[in-house]
Amino acid sequence: MAIVITPSAEQFSRLDGNALVDIHTTCAVIGKSRNSVYRMFQSGDLAQVMVGNSTRIRVADIRRLIGVK
């Protein structure tokens, strides 16, 4: 089972790539709106992981999107 956390943007760099973060954290890290993130899901630029009724994003996918290893 994946670990689901909601870190601050400052803590993001210390997270394991397999960790899952929420939409709010994703928006803060990439500097885009919630609607932009959902458009990225639809276009395939970013993958979403459903945990129950909640949408989460893998840290590794966000790092790939912003060009950080």
N, C-alpha and C. Protein backbone atom coordinates (compact mmCIF):
# COMPACT_ATOMS: atom_id res chain seq x y z
N MET A 1 0.84 -1.18 0.00
CA MET A 1 0.00 0.00 0.00
C MET A 1 0.89 1.25 0.00
N ALA A 2 0.49 2.26 -0.74
CA ALA A 2 1.27 3.49 -0.86
C ALA A 2 1.06 4.38 0.36
N ILE A 3 2.07 5.17 0.64
CA ILE A 3 1.99 6.13 1.73
C ILE A 3 1.38 7.41 1.18
N VAL A 4 0.33 7.91 1.81
CA VAL A 4 -0.33 9.14 1.37
C VAL A 4 -0.06 10.22 2.40
N ILE A 5 0.58 11.31 1.96
CA ILE A 5 0.91 12.39 2.88
C ILE A 5 0.58 13.73 2.23
N THR A 6 0.48 14.74 3.05
CA THR A 6 0.26 16.09 2.55
C THR A 6 1.35 16.99 3.13
N PRO A 7 2.49 17.03 2.46
CA PRO A 7 3.60 17.84 2.98
C PRO A 7 3.49 19.28 2.52
N SER A 8 4.24 20.13 3.16
CA SER A 8 4.35 21.49 2.66
C SER A 8 5.28 21.45 1.45
N ALA A 9 5.25 22.47 0.65
CA ALA A 9 6.09 22.51 -0.53
C ALA A 9 7.57 22.43 -0.16
N GLU A 10 7.94 22.96 1.02
CA GLU A 10 9.33 22.92 1.46
C GLU A 10 9.79 21.50 1.76
N GLN A 11 8.88 20.65 2.23
CA GLN A 11 9.22 19.27 2.57
C GLN A 11 9.25 18.36 1.34
N PHE A 12 8.74 18.83 0.24
CA PHE A 12 8.59 18.02 -0.96
C PHE A 12 9.90 17.39 -1.42
N SER A 13 10.98 18.12 -1.36
CA SER A 13 12.26 17.62 -1.87
C SER A 13 12.79 16.42 -1.10
N ARG A 14 12.32 16.22 0.12
CA ARG A 14 12.79 15.10 0.93
C ARG A 14 11.94 13.85 0.79
N LEU A 15 10.87 13.90 0.04
CA LEU A 15 9.95 12.77 -0.07
C LEU A 15 10.49 11.69 -1.01
N ASP A 16 10.14 10.46 -0.71
CA ASP A 16 10.43 9.33 -1.58
C ASP A 16 9.62 9.48 -2.86
N GLY A 17 10.17 9.04 -3.97
CA GLY A 17 9.49 9.17 -5.26
C GLY A 17 8.17 8.43 -5.35
N ASN A 18 7.99 7.39 -4.53
CA ASN A 18 6.74 6.62 -4.56
C ASN A 18 5.67 7.19 -3.64
N ALA A 19 6.01 8.22 -2.88
CA ALA A 19 5.02 8.85 -1.99
C ALA A 19 3.94 9.51 -2.85
N LEU A 20 2.75 9.60 -2.28
CA LEU A 20 1.63 10.24 -2.96
C LEU A 20 1.29 11.55 -2.26
N VAL A 21 1.02 12.58 -3.06
CA VAL A 21 0.63 13.88 -2.50
C VAL A 21 -0.71 14.30 -3.10
N ASP A 22 -1.36 15.23 -2.44
CA ASP A 22 -2.68 15.68 -2.89
C ASP A 22 -2.56 16.78 -3.95
N ILE A 23 -3.69 17.16 -4.48
CA ILE A 23 -3.76 18.19 -5.52
C ILE A 23 -3.21 19.52 -5.01
N HIS A 24 -3.56 19.89 -3.80
CA HIS A 24 -3.11 21.16 -3.22
C HIS A 24 -1.58 21.25 -3.21
N THR A 25 -0.93 20.20 -2.77
CA THR A 25 0.54 20.17 -2.73
C THR A 25 1.10 20.22 -4.14
N THR A 26 0.50 19.47 -5.04
CA THR A 26 0.96 19.46 -6.44
C THR A 26 0.89 20.87 -7.03
N CYS A 27 -0.21 21.57 -6.80
CA CYS A 27 -0.37 22.93 -7.32
C CYS A 27 0.71 23.85 -6.75
N ALA A 28 0.99 23.72 -5.46
CA ALA A 28 2.00 24.57 -4.82
C ALA A 28 3.39 24.30 -5.39
N VAL A 29 3.71 23.05 -5.65
CA VAL A 29 5.05 22.69 -6.13
C VAL A 29 5.26 23.13 -7.58
N ILE A 30 4.26 22.90 -8.43
CA ILE A 30 4.45 23.22 -9.85
C ILE A 30 4.00 24.62 -10.22
N GLY A 31 3.33 25.30 -9.30
CA GLY A 31 2.91 26.67 -9.56
C GLY A 31 1.78 26.80 -10.56
N LYS A 32 0.89 25.81 -10.58
CA LYS A 32 -0.26 25.81 -11.49
C LYS A 32 -1.54 25.71 -10.69
N SER A 33 -2.65 26.04 -11.32
CA SER A 33 -3.95 25.97 -10.67
C SER A 33 -4.45 24.53 -10.64
N ARG A 34 -5.47 24.32 -9.82
CA ARG A 34 -6.13 23.02 -9.74
C ARG A 34 -6.67 22.59 -11.11
N ASN A 35 -7.29 23.53 -11.82
CA ASN A 35 -7.82 23.22 -13.15
C ASN A 35 -6.70 22.83 -14.11
N SER A 36 -5.56 23.49 -14.01
CA SER A 36 -4.42 23.13 -14.87
C SER A 36 -3.94 21.71 -14.59
N VAL A 37 -3.91 21.34 -13.32
CA VAL A 37 -3.49 19.97 -12.96
C VAL A 37 -4.46 18.95 -13.54
N TYR A 38 -5.76 19.21 -13.46
CA TYR A 38 -6.74 18.30 -14.04
C TYR A 38 -6.61 18.24 -15.57
N ARG A 39 -6.26 19.34 -16.21
CA ARG A 39 -6.01 19.31 -17.66
C ARG A 39 -4.79 18.46 -17.97
N MET A 40 -3.78 18.51 -17.09
CA MET A 40 -2.59 17.66 -17.27
C MET A 40 -2.96 16.18 -17.15
N PHE A 41 -3.90 15.85 -16.28
CA PHE A 41 -4.38 14.47 -16.18
C PHE A 41 -5.02 14.05 -17.51
N GLN A 42 -5.88 14.91 -18.03
CA GLN A 42 -6.60 14.60 -19.26
C GLN A 42 -5.67 14.47 -20.46
N SER A 43 -4.63 15.29 -20.51
CA SER A 43 -3.70 15.26 -21.64
C SER A 43 -2.66 14.14 -21.52
N GLY A 44 -2.55 13.56 -20.33
CA GLY A 44 -1.57 12.50 -20.13
C GLY A 44 -0.21 13.01 -19.67
N ASP A 45 -0.10 14.31 -19.43
CA ASP A 45 1.17 14.87 -18.97
C ASP A 45 1.46 14.51 -17.51
N LEU A 46 0.42 14.16 -16.77
CA LEU A 46 0.55 13.83 -15.35
C LEU A 46 -0.44 12.72 -15.03
N ALA A 47 0.03 11.71 -14.29
CA ALA A 47 -0.84 10.57 -13.94
C ALA A 47 -1.46 10.79 -12.57
N GLN A 48 -2.72 10.42 -12.45
CA GLN A 48 -3.39 10.51 -11.16
C GLN A 48 -3.55 9.11 -10.57
N VAL A 49 -3.54 9.04 -9.26
CA VAL A 49 -3.76 7.79 -8.54
C VAL A 49 -4.98 8.03 -7.65
N MET A 50 -5.99 7.19 -7.81
CA MET A 50 -7.18 7.32 -6.97
C MET A 50 -6.99 6.47 -5.72
N VAL A 51 -7.17 7.12 -4.56
CA VAL A 51 -7.13 6.45 -3.27
C VAL A 51 -8.52 6.67 -2.67
N GLY A 52 -9.37 5.67 -2.81
CA GLY A 52 -10.77 5.86 -2.45
C GLY A 52 -11.36 6.89 -3.39
N ASN A 53 -11.91 7.96 -2.85
CA ASN A 53 -12.46 9.05 -3.66
C ASN A 53 -11.50 10.21 -3.82
N SER A 54 -10.28 10.05 -3.32
CA SER A 54 -9.30 11.13 -3.35
C SER A 54 -8.31 10.95 -4.50
N THR A 55 -7.95 12.05 -5.12
CA THR A 55 -6.96 12.03 -6.19
C THR A 55 -5.60 12.35 -5.61
N ARG A 56 -4.62 11.53 -5.93
CA ARG A 56 -3.24 11.72 -5.47
C ARG A 56 -2.31 11.64 -6.67
N ILE A 57 -1.11 12.18 -6.49
CA ILE A 57 -0.11 12.20 -7.54
C ILE A 57 1.20 11.71 -6.96
N ARG A 58 1.90 10.84 -7.70
CA ARG A 58 3.19 10.34 -7.25
C ARG A 58 4.23 11.45 -7.32
N VAL A 59 5.05 11.53 -6.29
CA VAL A 59 6.11 12.54 -6.22
C VAL A 59 7.05 12.40 -7.42
N ALA A 60 7.37 11.19 -7.81
CA ALA A 60 8.26 10.97 -8.96
C ALA A 60 7.68 11.57 -10.24
N ASP A 61 6.37 11.49 -10.43
CA ASP A 61 5.73 12.06 -11.61
C ASP A 61 5.80 13.59 -11.60
N ILE A 62 5.65 14.18 -10.43
CA ILE A 62 5.76 15.64 -10.32
C ILE A 62 7.19 16.07 -10.61
N ARG A 63 8.16 15.35 -10.05
CA ARG A 63 9.56 15.69 -10.30
C ARG A 63 9.90 15.60 -11.78
N ARG A 64 9.38 14.57 -12.46
CA ARG A 64 9.61 14.42 -13.90
C ARG A 64 9.02 15.61 -14.64
N LEU A 65 7.82 16.03 -14.24
CA LEU A 65 7.14 17.13 -14.89
C LEU A 65 7.93 18.45 -14.76
N ILE A 66 8.49 18.69 -13.58
CA ILE A 66 9.21 19.95 -13.37
C ILE A 66 10.71 19.84 -13.66
N GLY A 67 11.15 18.62 -14.05
CA GLY A 67 12.55 18.45 -14.43
C GLY A 67 13.53 18.33 -13.30
N VAL A 68 13.06 17.80 -12.16
CA VAL A 68 13.93 17.59 -11.00
C VAL A 68 14.06 16.11 -10.76
N LYS A 69 15.29 15.66 -10.48
CA LYS A 69 15.51 14.22 -10.24
C LYS A 69 15.48 13.90 -8.80
